[in-house]
N, C-alpha and C. Protein backbone atom coordinates (compact mmCIF):
# COMPACT_ATOMS: atom_id res chain seq x y z
N MET A 1 -240.54 124.00 -97.41
CA MET A 1 -240.67 122.69 -98.23
C MET A 1 -240.59 123.22 -99.68
N ALA A 2 -239.60 122.48 -100.31
CA ALA A 2 -239.49 122.57 -101.77
C ALA A 2 -240.81 122.17 -102.53
N PHE A 3 -241.04 123.12 -103.65
CA PHE A 3 -242.17 122.75 -104.55
C PHE A 3 -241.95 121.57 -105.24
N SER A 4 -242.98 120.55 -105.52
CA SER A 4 -242.98 119.49 -106.15
C SER A 4 -243.69 119.67 -107.49
N LEU A 5 -243.07 119.53 -108.51
CA LEU A 5 -243.88 119.51 -109.81
C LEU A 5 -244.67 118.20 -109.94
N SER A 6 -244.20 117.06 -109.70
CA SER A 6 -244.94 115.79 -109.83
C SER A 6 -246.18 115.73 -108.80
N GLN A 7 -246.01 116.28 -107.56
CA GLN A 7 -247.11 116.27 -106.75
C GLN A 7 -248.13 117.20 -107.23
N PHE A 8 -247.71 118.49 -107.74
CA PHE A 8 -248.76 119.18 -108.31
C PHE A 8 -249.71 118.70 -109.49
N GLN A 9 -248.93 117.91 -110.33
CA GLN A 9 -249.55 117.45 -111.33
C GLN A 9 -250.56 116.37 -110.85
N GLN A 10 -250.13 115.65 -109.69
CA GLN A 10 -251.08 114.65 -109.34
C GLN A 10 -252.39 115.10 -108.63
N GLU A 11 -252.20 116.46 -108.15
CA GLU A 11 -253.25 117.03 -107.38
C GLU A 11 -254.18 117.86 -108.25
N HIS A 12 -253.63 118.32 -109.32
CA HIS A 12 -254.43 119.27 -110.22
C HIS A 12 -254.45 118.78 -111.73
N ASP A 13 -255.69 118.81 -112.12
CA ASP A 13 -255.99 118.31 -113.26
C ASP A 13 -255.67 119.55 -114.29
N THR A 14 -254.63 119.45 -115.15
CA THR A 14 -254.26 120.61 -115.89
C THR A 14 -254.06 120.08 -117.31
N GLU A 15 -254.09 121.24 -118.34
CA GLU A 15 -253.60 121.10 -119.64
C GLU A 15 -252.39 121.88 -119.91
N ILE A 16 -251.48 121.48 -120.77
CA ILE A 16 -250.32 122.34 -121.04
C ILE A 16 -250.42 122.98 -122.49
N PHE A 17 -250.13 124.30 -122.35
CA PHE A 17 -250.02 124.88 -123.86
C PHE A 17 -248.92 125.55 -123.88
N PRO A 18 -248.47 125.76 -125.30
CA PRO A 18 -246.91 126.06 -125.65
C PRO A 18 -247.13 127.58 -125.89
N VAL A 19 -245.88 128.38 -125.58
CA VAL A 19 -245.73 129.80 -125.96
C VAL A 19 -244.29 129.67 -126.78
N LYS A 20 -244.32 130.27 -127.92
CA LYS A 20 -243.05 130.28 -128.70
C LYS A 20 -242.68 131.85 -128.92
N ILE A 21 -241.49 132.26 -128.42
CA ILE A 21 -240.95 133.47 -128.86
C ILE A 21 -239.72 133.27 -129.52
N GLY A 22 -239.55 133.67 -130.81
CA GLY A 22 -238.40 133.36 -131.52
C GLY A 22 -237.98 131.79 -131.56
N THR A 23 -236.82 131.48 -130.96
CA THR A 23 -236.43 130.10 -131.01
C THR A 23 -236.66 129.50 -129.49
N VAL A 24 -237.17 130.40 -128.50
CA VAL A 24 -237.58 129.92 -127.19
C VAL A 24 -239.01 129.34 -127.17
N GLU A 25 -239.24 127.99 -126.74
CA GLU A 25 -240.53 127.55 -126.60
C GLU A 25 -240.73 127.19 -125.31
N LEU A 26 -241.90 127.79 -124.57
CA LEU A 26 -242.07 127.16 -123.15
C LEU A 26 -243.41 126.60 -123.15
N HIS A 27 -243.73 125.86 -121.85
CA HIS A 27 -244.87 125.19 -121.94
C HIS A 27 -245.60 125.56 -120.49
N PHE A 28 -246.82 125.81 -120.48
CA PHE A 28 -247.46 126.32 -119.34
C PHE A 28 -248.69 125.44 -118.87
N HIS A 29 -248.83 125.19 -117.55
CA HIS A 29 -250.15 124.54 -117.16
C HIS A 29 -251.08 125.45 -116.92
N LYS A 30 -252.34 125.00 -117.23
CA LYS A 30 -253.61 125.85 -116.84
C LYS A 30 -254.62 124.80 -116.47
N PRO A 31 -255.57 125.17 -115.64
CA PRO A 31 -256.65 124.31 -115.17
C PRO A 31 -257.41 123.77 -116.27
N ARG A 32 -257.55 122.52 -116.44
CA ARG A 32 -258.74 121.96 -117.34
C ARG A 32 -260.08 122.36 -117.31
N SER A 33 -260.35 122.50 -115.88
CA SER A 33 -261.70 123.09 -115.65
C SER A 33 -261.33 124.06 -114.50
N ILE A 34 -262.26 125.15 -114.37
CA ILE A 34 -262.02 125.99 -113.05
C ILE A 34 -263.08 125.66 -111.87
N ASP A 35 -263.73 124.63 -112.08
CA ASP A 35 -264.80 124.28 -111.02
C ASP A 35 -264.28 124.21 -109.71
N ARG A 36 -263.10 123.54 -109.41
CA ARG A 36 -262.80 123.32 -108.10
C ARG A 36 -262.15 124.58 -107.68
N TYR A 37 -261.88 125.70 -108.28
CA TYR A 37 -261.38 126.85 -107.81
C TYR A 37 -262.34 128.02 -107.65
N LEU A 38 -263.79 127.70 -107.85
CA LEU A 38 -264.99 128.55 -107.62
C LEU A 38 -265.32 128.42 -106.15
N ASP A 39 -265.89 129.56 -105.71
CA ASP A 39 -266.48 129.54 -104.32
C ASP A 39 -267.87 129.08 -104.61
N PRO A 40 -268.36 127.94 -103.97
CA PRO A 40 -269.71 127.44 -104.41
C PRO A 40 -270.77 128.29 -103.83
N ASP A 41 -270.49 129.12 -102.90
CA ASP A 41 -271.48 130.03 -102.24
C ASP A 41 -271.65 131.30 -103.05
N ASP A 42 -270.68 131.67 -103.72
CA ASP A 42 -270.66 132.82 -104.66
C ASP A 42 -269.66 132.79 -105.60
N VAL A 43 -269.95 132.45 -106.75
CA VAL A 43 -268.90 132.22 -107.91
C VAL A 43 -268.20 133.49 -108.36
N LEU A 44 -268.83 134.63 -108.03
CA LEU A 44 -268.05 135.95 -108.42
C LEU A 44 -267.04 136.31 -107.34
N ARG A 45 -267.04 135.75 -106.26
CA ARG A 45 -266.15 136.14 -105.24
C ARG A 45 -264.91 135.33 -105.41
N GLY A 46 -263.85 135.92 -105.70
CA GLY A 46 -262.67 135.14 -105.80
C GLY A 46 -262.65 134.28 -107.19
N PHE A 47 -263.45 134.82 -108.06
CA PHE A 47 -263.42 134.23 -109.30
C PHE A 47 -261.95 134.10 -110.00
N PRO A 48 -261.53 132.81 -110.41
CA PRO A 48 -260.10 132.57 -110.63
C PRO A 48 -259.78 133.34 -112.16
N MET A 49 -259.65 134.62 -112.09
CA MET A 49 -259.17 135.33 -113.26
C MET A 49 -257.79 134.94 -113.63
N TRP A 50 -256.96 134.46 -112.64
CA TRP A 50 -255.53 134.05 -112.96
C TRP A 50 -255.51 132.81 -113.86
N SER A 51 -256.65 132.24 -114.12
CA SER A 51 -256.57 130.84 -114.78
C SER A 51 -256.73 130.81 -116.14
N LYS A 52 -256.94 132.06 -116.76
CA LYS A 52 -256.98 132.28 -118.18
C LYS A 52 -255.92 133.01 -118.80
N LEU A 53 -255.44 132.74 -119.90
CA LEU A 53 -254.46 133.46 -120.73
C LEU A 53 -255.25 134.69 -121.48
N TRP A 54 -255.09 135.91 -120.99
CA TRP A 54 -255.69 137.10 -121.51
C TRP A 54 -255.14 137.61 -122.74
N GLU A 55 -255.76 138.07 -123.60
CA GLU A 55 -255.28 138.50 -124.69
C GLU A 55 -254.15 139.66 -124.45
N ALA A 56 -254.40 140.45 -123.55
CA ALA A 56 -253.54 141.60 -123.22
C ALA A 56 -251.93 140.85 -122.81
N SER A 57 -252.05 139.72 -122.45
CA SER A 57 -250.73 139.06 -122.18
C SER A 57 -250.01 138.86 -123.36
N ALA A 58 -250.52 138.53 -124.24
CA ALA A 58 -249.67 138.36 -125.60
C ALA A 58 -249.07 139.65 -126.06
N VAL A 59 -249.66 140.93 -125.75
CA VAL A 59 -248.81 141.90 -126.19
C VAL A 59 -247.72 142.31 -125.08
N LEU A 60 -248.04 142.05 -123.76
CA LEU A 60 -246.93 142.04 -122.85
C LEU A 60 -245.77 141.13 -123.05
N VAL A 61 -246.01 140.04 -123.40
CA VAL A 61 -244.98 138.94 -123.70
C VAL A 61 -244.12 139.57 -124.86
N GLN A 62 -244.75 140.08 -126.00
CA GLN A 62 -243.85 140.67 -127.18
C GLN A 62 -243.18 141.76 -126.67
N HIS A 63 -243.78 142.63 -125.73
CA HIS A 63 -243.05 143.83 -125.24
C HIS A 63 -241.86 143.26 -124.51
N MET A 64 -241.93 142.37 -123.80
CA MET A 64 -240.73 141.85 -123.00
C MET A 64 -239.65 141.24 -123.82
N ALA A 65 -240.19 140.48 -124.97
CA ALA A 65 -239.26 140.02 -125.78
C ALA A 65 -238.44 140.71 -126.45
N ASP A 66 -239.07 142.03 -126.91
CA ASP A 66 -238.32 142.99 -127.53
C ASP A 66 -237.36 143.96 -126.65
N LEU A 67 -237.45 143.74 -125.29
CA LEU A 67 -236.67 144.66 -124.32
C LEU A 67 -235.44 144.04 -124.46
N PRO A 68 -234.25 144.79 -124.46
CA PRO A 68 -232.87 144.36 -124.42
C PRO A 68 -232.55 143.85 -123.02
N VAL A 69 -231.89 142.89 -122.71
CA VAL A 69 -231.86 142.13 -121.58
C VAL A 69 -230.67 143.01 -120.81
N ASP A 70 -230.88 143.23 -119.68
CA ASP A 70 -229.97 143.84 -118.60
C ASP A 70 -230.12 143.06 -117.47
N PRO A 71 -228.80 142.50 -117.29
CA PRO A 71 -228.80 141.58 -115.95
C PRO A 71 -229.02 142.40 -114.64
N GLU A 72 -228.74 143.65 -114.65
CA GLU A 72 -228.86 144.21 -113.56
C GLU A 72 -230.44 145.00 -113.18
N ARG A 73 -231.29 144.86 -114.30
CA ARG A 73 -232.53 145.18 -114.05
C ARG A 73 -233.42 144.30 -113.36
N SER A 74 -233.98 144.87 -112.25
CA SER A 74 -234.96 143.97 -111.65
C SER A 74 -236.42 144.24 -111.95
N ILE A 75 -237.20 143.26 -112.13
CA ILE A 75 -238.49 143.42 -112.75
C ILE A 75 -239.57 142.67 -111.75
N LEU A 76 -240.70 143.27 -111.65
CA LEU A 76 -241.79 142.82 -110.77
C LEU A 76 -243.03 142.67 -111.40
N GLU A 77 -243.57 141.64 -111.66
CA GLU A 77 -244.86 141.48 -112.30
C GLU A 77 -245.98 141.26 -111.14
N LEU A 78 -247.01 142.15 -111.46
CA LEU A 78 -248.11 142.02 -110.69
C LEU A 78 -249.29 141.25 -111.30
N GLY A 79 -250.02 140.62 -110.33
CA GLY A 79 -251.10 139.69 -110.86
C GLY A 79 -250.59 138.83 -112.11
N ALA A 80 -249.66 138.15 -111.79
CA ALA A 80 -248.93 137.37 -112.89
C ALA A 80 -249.68 136.31 -113.32
N GLY A 81 -250.99 135.84 -112.69
CA GLY A 81 -251.72 134.73 -113.39
C GLY A 81 -251.00 133.46 -113.65
N LEU A 82 -250.98 132.94 -114.66
CA LEU A 82 -250.27 131.79 -115.02
C LEU A 82 -248.70 132.01 -115.27
N GLY A 83 -248.20 133.35 -115.28
CA GLY A 83 -247.06 133.51 -115.52
C GLY A 83 -246.26 133.63 -116.83
N VAL A 84 -247.20 133.71 -117.89
CA VAL A 84 -246.59 133.71 -119.20
C VAL A 84 -245.58 134.80 -119.52
N ALA A 85 -245.92 136.04 -119.15
CA ALA A 85 -245.28 137.14 -119.52
C ALA A 85 -243.92 137.24 -118.78
N GLY A 86 -243.96 136.84 -117.41
CA GLY A 86 -243.00 136.91 -116.49
C GLY A 86 -241.91 135.98 -116.83
N ILE A 87 -242.49 134.57 -116.94
CA ILE A 87 -241.50 133.55 -117.23
C ILE A 87 -240.93 133.52 -118.59
N THR A 88 -241.59 134.08 -119.51
CA THR A 88 -240.95 134.34 -120.88
C THR A 88 -239.85 135.23 -120.65
N ALA A 89 -239.94 136.36 -120.11
CA ALA A 89 -239.02 137.36 -119.75
C ALA A 89 -237.78 136.86 -119.04
N ALA A 90 -238.04 135.81 -118.07
CA ALA A 90 -237.16 135.26 -117.56
C ALA A 90 -236.34 134.35 -118.21
N ALA A 91 -237.02 133.47 -118.97
CA ALA A 91 -236.36 132.57 -119.88
C ALA A 91 -235.36 133.26 -120.94
N LEU A 92 -235.82 134.46 -121.37
CA LEU A 92 -235.06 135.49 -122.30
C LEU A 92 -233.64 136.05 -121.30
N GLY A 93 -233.64 135.90 -120.31
CA GLY A 93 -232.39 136.37 -119.44
C GLY A 93 -232.79 137.53 -118.49
N HIS A 94 -234.21 137.98 -118.34
CA HIS A 94 -234.52 138.88 -117.30
C HIS A 94 -234.64 138.48 -115.91
N ALA A 95 -234.35 139.00 -115.03
CA ALA A 95 -234.46 138.68 -113.49
C ALA A 95 -236.02 139.17 -113.10
N VAL A 96 -236.90 138.24 -112.85
CA VAL A 96 -238.30 138.68 -112.70
C VAL A 96 -238.67 137.98 -111.48
N THR A 97 -239.42 138.71 -110.69
CA THR A 97 -240.37 138.33 -109.38
C THR A 97 -241.71 138.28 -109.91
N LEU A 98 -242.23 137.22 -109.80
CA LEU A 98 -243.86 137.07 -110.30
C LEU A 98 -244.60 136.98 -108.91
N THR A 99 -245.70 137.70 -108.83
CA THR A 99 -246.57 137.82 -107.64
C THR A 99 -247.88 137.67 -108.12
N GLU A 100 -248.50 136.83 -106.95
CA GLU A 100 -249.97 136.83 -107.05
C GLU A 100 -250.32 136.67 -105.56
N TYR A 101 -251.87 136.86 -105.43
CA TYR A 101 -252.27 136.74 -103.86
C TYR A 101 -253.00 135.43 -103.71
N ASP A 102 -253.82 134.81 -104.74
CA ASP A 102 -254.56 133.65 -104.42
C ASP A 102 -253.68 132.44 -104.38
N PRO A 103 -253.81 131.60 -103.34
CA PRO A 103 -253.05 130.48 -103.14
C PRO A 103 -252.83 129.50 -104.14
N ASN A 104 -254.17 129.31 -105.12
CA ASN A 104 -254.05 128.38 -106.23
C ASN A 104 -253.16 129.15 -107.36
N ALA A 105 -253.29 130.33 -107.67
CA ALA A 105 -252.67 130.96 -108.60
C ALA A 105 -251.02 131.02 -108.13
N LEU A 106 -250.68 131.11 -107.13
CA LEU A 106 -249.26 130.77 -106.62
C LEU A 106 -248.82 129.42 -106.95
N LEU A 107 -249.69 128.51 -106.73
CA LEU A 107 -249.12 127.17 -107.06
C LEU A 107 -248.99 126.98 -108.65
N PHE A 108 -249.80 127.58 -109.41
CA PHE A 108 -249.77 127.33 -110.75
C PHE A 108 -248.47 128.12 -111.35
N LEU A 109 -248.11 129.39 -110.65
CA LEU A 109 -246.87 130.04 -110.92
C LEU A 109 -245.71 129.10 -110.68
N GLN A 110 -245.83 128.49 -109.51
CA GLN A 110 -244.58 127.74 -108.98
C GLN A 110 -244.47 126.39 -110.08
N ALA A 111 -245.53 126.17 -110.55
CA ALA A 111 -245.73 124.89 -111.46
C ALA A 111 -244.99 125.29 -112.73
N ASN A 112 -245.34 126.38 -113.29
CA ASN A 112 -244.87 126.80 -114.66
C ASN A 112 -243.41 127.38 -114.66
N VAL A 113 -243.07 127.81 -113.42
CA VAL A 113 -241.47 128.15 -113.36
C VAL A 113 -240.68 126.76 -113.19
N ALA A 114 -241.34 125.80 -112.54
CA ALA A 114 -240.55 124.43 -112.62
C ALA A 114 -240.58 123.73 -113.71
N GLN A 115 -241.79 123.82 -114.39
CA GLN A 115 -242.00 123.28 -115.74
C GLN A 115 -240.88 123.71 -116.71
N ASN A 116 -240.51 124.98 -116.74
CA ASN A 116 -239.67 125.53 -117.54
C ASN A 116 -238.14 125.65 -117.01
N ASN A 117 -237.85 125.17 -116.03
CA ASN A 117 -236.62 125.23 -115.35
C ASN A 117 -236.22 126.45 -115.32
N CYS A 118 -236.92 127.66 -114.88
CA CYS A 118 -236.56 128.95 -115.01
C CYS A 118 -235.87 129.61 -113.82
N ASP A 119 -234.81 129.54 -113.68
CA ASP A 119 -234.04 129.73 -112.44
C ASP A 119 -234.06 131.50 -112.25
N ARG A 120 -234.23 132.08 -113.24
CA ARG A 120 -234.29 133.62 -113.30
C ARG A 120 -235.73 134.22 -112.71
N ALA A 121 -236.69 133.38 -112.46
CA ALA A 121 -237.91 133.75 -112.09
C ALA A 121 -238.30 133.14 -110.74
N ARG A 122 -238.66 134.19 -109.79
CA ARG A 122 -239.02 133.59 -108.53
C ARG A 122 -240.45 134.09 -108.16
N VAL A 123 -241.10 133.31 -107.38
CA VAL A 123 -242.53 133.63 -107.08
C VAL A 123 -242.72 133.95 -105.63
N ARG A 124 -243.49 135.07 -105.49
CA ARG A 124 -243.78 135.66 -104.26
C ARG A 124 -245.35 135.90 -104.06
N ARG A 125 -245.87 135.93 -102.99
CA ARG A 125 -247.20 136.16 -102.48
C ARG A 125 -247.22 137.69 -102.38
N LEU A 126 -248.30 138.42 -102.92
CA LEU A 126 -248.19 139.93 -102.65
C LEU A 126 -249.84 140.21 -102.58
N ASP A 127 -250.26 141.02 -101.32
CA ASP A 127 -251.36 141.54 -101.10
C ASP A 127 -251.29 142.85 -101.61
N TRP A 128 -252.06 143.43 -102.37
CA TRP A 128 -251.97 145.00 -102.97
C TRP A 128 -252.30 145.79 -101.74
N PHE A 129 -253.27 145.30 -101.00
CA PHE A 129 -253.59 146.30 -99.99
C PHE A 129 -252.89 146.25 -98.60
N GLN A 130 -251.88 145.25 -98.46
CA GLN A 130 -251.09 144.98 -97.43
C GLN A 130 -249.87 144.39 -97.88
N PRO A 131 -249.14 145.28 -98.80
CA PRO A 131 -247.95 144.74 -99.43
C PRO A 131 -246.58 144.64 -98.49
N ASP A 132 -245.82 143.45 -98.45
CA ASP A 132 -244.94 143.25 -97.70
C ASP A 132 -243.59 142.88 -98.12
N LEU A 133 -243.44 143.06 -99.47
CA LEU A 133 -242.01 142.94 -100.21
C LEU A 133 -241.09 143.91 -99.70
N GLU A 134 -239.91 143.82 -99.63
CA GLU A 134 -238.97 144.62 -98.98
C GLU A 134 -238.25 145.41 -100.06
N GLU A 135 -237.88 144.91 -101.30
CA GLU A 135 -237.03 145.39 -102.16
C GLU A 135 -237.80 146.45 -103.20
N SER A 136 -237.11 147.08 -104.00
CA SER A 136 -237.57 148.07 -104.94
C SER A 136 -237.16 147.38 -106.40
N PHE A 137 -237.85 147.83 -107.41
CA PHE A 137 -237.64 147.27 -108.69
C PHE A 137 -237.58 148.54 -109.80
N ASP A 138 -236.74 148.09 -110.74
CA ASP A 138 -236.41 149.00 -111.88
C ASP A 138 -237.58 148.96 -112.94
N LEU A 139 -238.44 147.94 -113.09
CA LEU A 139 -239.45 147.67 -114.11
C LEU A 139 -240.55 147.06 -113.40
N ILE A 140 -241.88 147.52 -113.47
CA ILE A 140 -243.02 146.89 -112.81
C ILE A 140 -244.00 146.65 -114.12
N ILE A 141 -244.51 145.45 -114.27
CA ILE A 141 -245.29 145.09 -115.29
C ILE A 141 -246.57 144.27 -114.97
N GLY A 142 -247.52 144.32 -115.86
CA GLY A 142 -248.72 143.66 -115.54
C GLY A 142 -249.73 143.67 -116.79
N ALA A 143 -250.72 142.83 -116.71
CA ALA A 143 -251.72 142.72 -117.82
C ALA A 143 -252.99 142.50 -117.23
N GLU A 144 -254.02 143.29 -117.69
CA GLU A 144 -255.35 143.16 -117.10
C GLU A 144 -255.50 143.26 -115.64
N LEU A 145 -254.85 144.25 -114.99
CA LEU A 145 -255.02 144.57 -113.77
C LEU A 145 -256.23 145.49 -113.28
N VAL A 146 -256.32 146.54 -114.40
CA VAL A 146 -257.26 147.53 -113.94
C VAL A 146 -258.83 147.38 -114.41
N TYR A 147 -259.41 146.31 -113.82
CA TYR A 147 -260.80 146.02 -114.14
C TYR A 147 -261.64 146.36 -112.96
N GLN A 148 -261.07 146.87 -111.97
CA GLN A 148 -262.17 147.09 -110.80
C GLN A 148 -261.46 148.59 -110.37
N GLU A 149 -262.32 149.40 -110.08
CA GLU A 149 -261.86 150.94 -109.79
C GLU A 149 -261.02 150.91 -108.63
N GLU A 150 -261.50 150.06 -107.58
CA GLU A 150 -260.83 149.92 -106.28
C GLU A 150 -259.46 149.69 -106.37
N ALA A 151 -259.15 149.11 -107.65
CA ALA A 151 -257.47 148.64 -107.66
C ALA A 151 -256.76 149.73 -108.21
N VAL A 152 -257.40 150.64 -108.68
CA VAL A 152 -256.64 151.89 -109.25
C VAL A 152 -255.74 152.52 -108.25
N ASP A 153 -256.09 153.02 -106.99
CA ASP A 153 -255.33 153.54 -106.15
C ASP A 153 -254.42 152.70 -105.37
N ALA A 154 -254.81 151.33 -105.29
CA ALA A 154 -253.93 150.31 -104.69
C ALA A 154 -252.54 150.26 -105.70
N LEU A 155 -252.79 150.26 -106.96
CA LEU A 155 -251.73 150.13 -107.90
C LEU A 155 -250.79 151.28 -107.65
N GLY A 156 -251.51 152.33 -107.59
CA GLY A 156 -250.72 153.74 -107.52
C GLY A 156 -249.75 153.55 -106.41
N ALA A 157 -250.46 153.14 -105.05
CA ALA A 157 -249.59 152.86 -103.91
C ALA A 157 -248.34 151.99 -104.22
N LEU A 158 -248.61 150.86 -104.76
CA LEU A 158 -247.64 149.67 -105.11
C LEU A 158 -246.52 150.40 -105.87
N PHE A 159 -246.94 151.19 -106.92
CA PHE A 159 -245.84 151.90 -107.82
C PHE A 159 -245.02 152.92 -107.02
N ASN A 160 -245.58 153.50 -106.17
CA ASN A 160 -244.76 154.56 -105.36
C ASN A 160 -243.90 153.87 -104.24
N ARG A 161 -244.39 152.67 -103.82
CA ARG A 161 -243.57 151.95 -102.83
C ARG A 161 -242.55 151.01 -103.53
N TYR A 162 -242.74 150.47 -104.63
CA TYR A 162 -241.79 149.64 -105.07
C TYR A 162 -240.92 149.94 -106.30
N LEU A 163 -241.44 151.18 -107.13
CA LEU A 163 -240.75 151.44 -108.29
C LEU A 163 -239.38 152.43 -107.87
N THR A 164 -238.19 152.04 -108.43
CA THR A 164 -236.99 152.68 -108.12
C THR A 164 -237.16 154.34 -108.87
N PRO A 165 -236.54 155.20 -108.40
CA PRO A 165 -236.85 156.58 -108.76
C PRO A 165 -236.73 156.71 -110.41
N ARG A 166 -235.74 156.08 -110.96
CA ARG A 166 -235.71 156.12 -112.60
C ARG A 166 -236.50 154.82 -113.09
N GLY A 167 -237.19 154.29 -112.34
CA GLY A 167 -237.89 153.16 -113.03
C GLY A 167 -239.02 153.54 -113.98
N LYS A 168 -239.58 152.35 -114.35
CA LYS A 168 -240.87 152.49 -115.26
C LYS A 168 -241.91 151.44 -115.00
N VAL A 169 -243.10 151.71 -115.50
CA VAL A 169 -244.12 150.69 -115.16
C VAL A 169 -244.75 150.54 -116.67
N VAL A 170 -244.91 149.20 -116.86
CA VAL A 170 -245.54 148.95 -118.17
C VAL A 170 -246.84 147.88 -118.04
N LEU A 171 -247.89 148.42 -118.22
CA LEU A 171 -249.16 147.79 -118.16
C LEU A 171 -249.86 147.68 -119.52
N VAL A 172 -250.64 146.35 -119.70
CA VAL A 172 -251.38 146.31 -120.94
C VAL A 172 -252.87 145.95 -120.55
N GLU A 173 -253.76 146.77 -120.98
CA GLU A 173 -255.04 146.86 -120.46
C GLU A 173 -255.99 146.75 -121.70
N ARG A 174 -257.25 146.12 -121.68
CA ARG A 174 -258.36 146.28 -122.48
C ARG A 174 -258.77 147.73 -122.32
N VAL A 175 -259.64 148.11 -123.63
CA VAL A 175 -260.25 149.52 -123.37
C VAL A 175 -261.46 149.42 -122.55
N ARG A 176 -261.34 149.91 -121.40
CA ARG A 176 -262.65 150.02 -120.53
C ARG A 176 -262.73 151.20 -119.72
N SER A 177 -263.66 151.57 -119.06
CA SER A 177 -263.80 152.75 -118.29
C SER A 177 -262.87 152.80 -117.26
N THR A 178 -262.47 151.64 -116.45
CA THR A 178 -261.36 151.90 -115.55
C THR A 178 -260.15 152.22 -116.11
N GLY A 179 -259.85 151.89 -117.26
CA GLY A 179 -258.58 152.31 -117.97
C GLY A 179 -258.49 153.97 -117.86
N THR A 180 -259.70 154.64 -118.33
CA THR A 180 -259.73 155.99 -118.31
C THR A 180 -259.43 156.53 -116.83
N ILE A 181 -260.00 155.94 -116.03
CA ILE A 181 -259.79 156.41 -114.60
C ILE A 181 -258.51 156.36 -114.18
N PHE A 182 -257.86 155.27 -114.47
CA PHE A 182 -256.44 154.79 -114.19
C PHE A 182 -255.47 155.86 -115.00
N PHE A 183 -255.78 156.20 -116.23
CA PHE A 183 -254.86 157.24 -116.68
C PHE A 183 -255.02 158.56 -116.17
N GLU A 184 -256.19 159.19 -115.74
CA GLU A 184 -256.20 160.30 -115.10
C GLU A 184 -255.66 160.29 -113.91
N ARG A 185 -255.74 159.46 -113.20
CA ARG A 185 -255.17 159.37 -111.76
C ARG A 185 -253.39 159.32 -111.90
N MET A 186 -253.01 158.31 -112.61
CA MET A 186 -251.63 158.18 -112.76
C MET A 186 -250.97 159.41 -113.33
N ALA A 187 -251.75 160.26 -114.09
CA ALA A 187 -251.12 161.35 -114.85
C ALA A 187 -250.78 162.50 -113.88
N GLN A 188 -251.24 162.28 -112.61
CA GLN A 188 -250.73 163.27 -111.77
C GLN A 188 -249.41 163.20 -111.16
N GLN A 189 -248.95 161.82 -111.25
CA GLN A 189 -247.46 161.47 -110.69
C GLN A 189 -246.57 161.00 -111.78
N PHE A 190 -247.16 160.55 -112.90
CA PHE A 190 -246.30 159.90 -113.97
C PHE A 190 -246.52 160.56 -115.35
N ASP A 191 -245.39 160.54 -116.08
CA ASP A 191 -245.42 160.95 -117.66
C ASP A 191 -246.00 159.57 -118.27
N ILE A 192 -246.99 159.63 -119.11
CA ILE A 192 -247.68 158.40 -119.61
C ILE A 192 -247.61 158.33 -121.21
N ARG A 193 -247.12 157.50 -121.66
CA ARG A 193 -247.20 157.25 -123.14
C ARG A 193 -248.12 155.88 -123.25
N THR A 194 -248.95 155.96 -124.27
CA THR A 194 -249.90 155.00 -124.56
C THR A 194 -249.69 154.42 -126.12
N ARG A 195 -249.88 153.21 -126.25
CA ARG A 195 -249.85 152.64 -127.56
C ARG A 195 -251.02 151.54 -127.59
N LYS A 196 -251.82 151.74 -128.78
CA LYS A 196 -253.09 150.83 -129.00
C LYS A 196 -252.49 149.54 -129.95
N HIS A 197 -253.15 148.60 -129.54
CA HIS A 197 -252.92 147.26 -130.36
C HIS A 197 -254.20 146.66 -130.57
N THR A 198 -254.27 146.29 -131.90
CA THR A 198 -255.66 145.52 -132.29
C THR A 198 -255.22 144.10 -132.54
N LEU A 199 -255.83 143.28 -131.82
CA LEU A 199 -255.68 141.86 -131.83
C LEU A 199 -256.83 141.19 -132.59
N ARG A 200 -256.58 140.26 -133.52
CA ARG A 200 -257.48 139.59 -134.14
C ARG A 200 -257.34 137.98 -134.08
N SER A 201 -258.48 137.37 -133.63
CA SER A 201 -258.55 135.99 -133.57
C SER A 201 -259.90 135.48 -133.69
N LYS A 202 -259.94 134.44 -134.52
CA LYS A 202 -261.27 133.61 -134.97
C LYS A 202 -262.36 134.76 -135.26
N GLY A 203 -261.90 135.63 -135.97
CA GLY A 203 -262.86 136.64 -136.49
C GLY A 203 -263.45 137.68 -135.60
N ASN A 204 -262.72 137.70 -134.20
CA ASN A 204 -262.93 138.70 -133.22
C ASN A 204 -261.90 139.73 -133.19
N THR A 205 -262.22 140.98 -132.79
CA THR A 205 -261.16 141.85 -132.86
C THR A 205 -261.08 142.56 -131.38
N GLU A 206 -260.05 142.72 -130.87
CA GLU A 206 -259.96 143.12 -129.38
C GLU A 206 -258.80 144.29 -129.44
N THR A 207 -259.12 145.24 -128.84
CA THR A 207 -258.34 146.52 -128.87
C THR A 207 -257.69 146.59 -127.34
N VAL A 208 -256.33 146.57 -127.39
CA VAL A 208 -255.61 146.82 -125.85
C VAL A 208 -254.76 147.96 -125.83
N VAL A 209 -254.48 148.47 -124.76
CA VAL A 209 -253.43 149.70 -124.65
C VAL A 209 -252.49 149.25 -123.89
N LEU A 210 -251.24 149.62 -124.29
CA LEU A 210 -250.05 149.58 -123.58
C LEU A 210 -249.74 150.77 -123.06
N PHE A 211 -249.67 150.95 -121.61
CA PHE A 211 -249.25 152.16 -120.83
C PHE A 211 -247.76 152.00 -120.32
N GLU A 212 -246.99 153.03 -120.74
CA GLU A 212 -245.65 153.11 -120.15
C GLU A 212 -245.81 154.29 -119.30
N LEU A 213 -245.31 154.23 -118.03
CA LEU A 213 -245.36 155.29 -117.05
C LEU A 213 -243.98 155.35 -116.39
N THR A 214 -243.61 156.75 -116.45
CA THR A 214 -242.27 157.10 -115.81
C THR A 214 -242.54 158.21 -114.74
N PRO A 215 -241.99 158.17 -113.61
CA PRO A 215 -242.16 159.19 -112.75
C PRO A 215 -241.75 160.55 -113.12
N LYS A 216 -242.47 161.46 -112.65
CA LYS A 216 -242.26 162.94 -113.07
C LYS A 216 -241.29 163.46 -112.29
């Protein structure tokens, strides 16, 4: 069944926020409240991390905006959330597959692709622990993926499964202990470059790290 943006808007209470890169301005739906997406028996289980625009996403968006467009390059976004980075990349001409696991996250991804008439972006469900996508990709991207230690090995397996031999992985993460674990484990298989970015907003300072991984 084809996705209906009007039906989505009737069923979900959203607010729309703009993202502008150069002359390109896009608009994204996000939940006005996350209450309906919480598990009433355990609010921490399945917490809708996808519903927030994380600071690291802004760095990933700019990285994709600076990347020369190659119509032959295939891009996979893991944990796409609201789809800001991937949809922005697609709007600039990249071919992007945006993935999520949570059904509501997938709905918001579809809504944001439709909102921006983005025909170079497609949405797919992906379970990191039982992946079933068939193709491989030249570039794998993501933001704020390494916040649980058990995700580190799952990500490594995904990279091995889906990255083309000459491909690259670009992740942007806040500075946290799991990032150190990720770096140490991935260094066994990948050459890794890192760049720190300091973000300032409303008097707060946030440091994020952009990881670039290429297979050894």
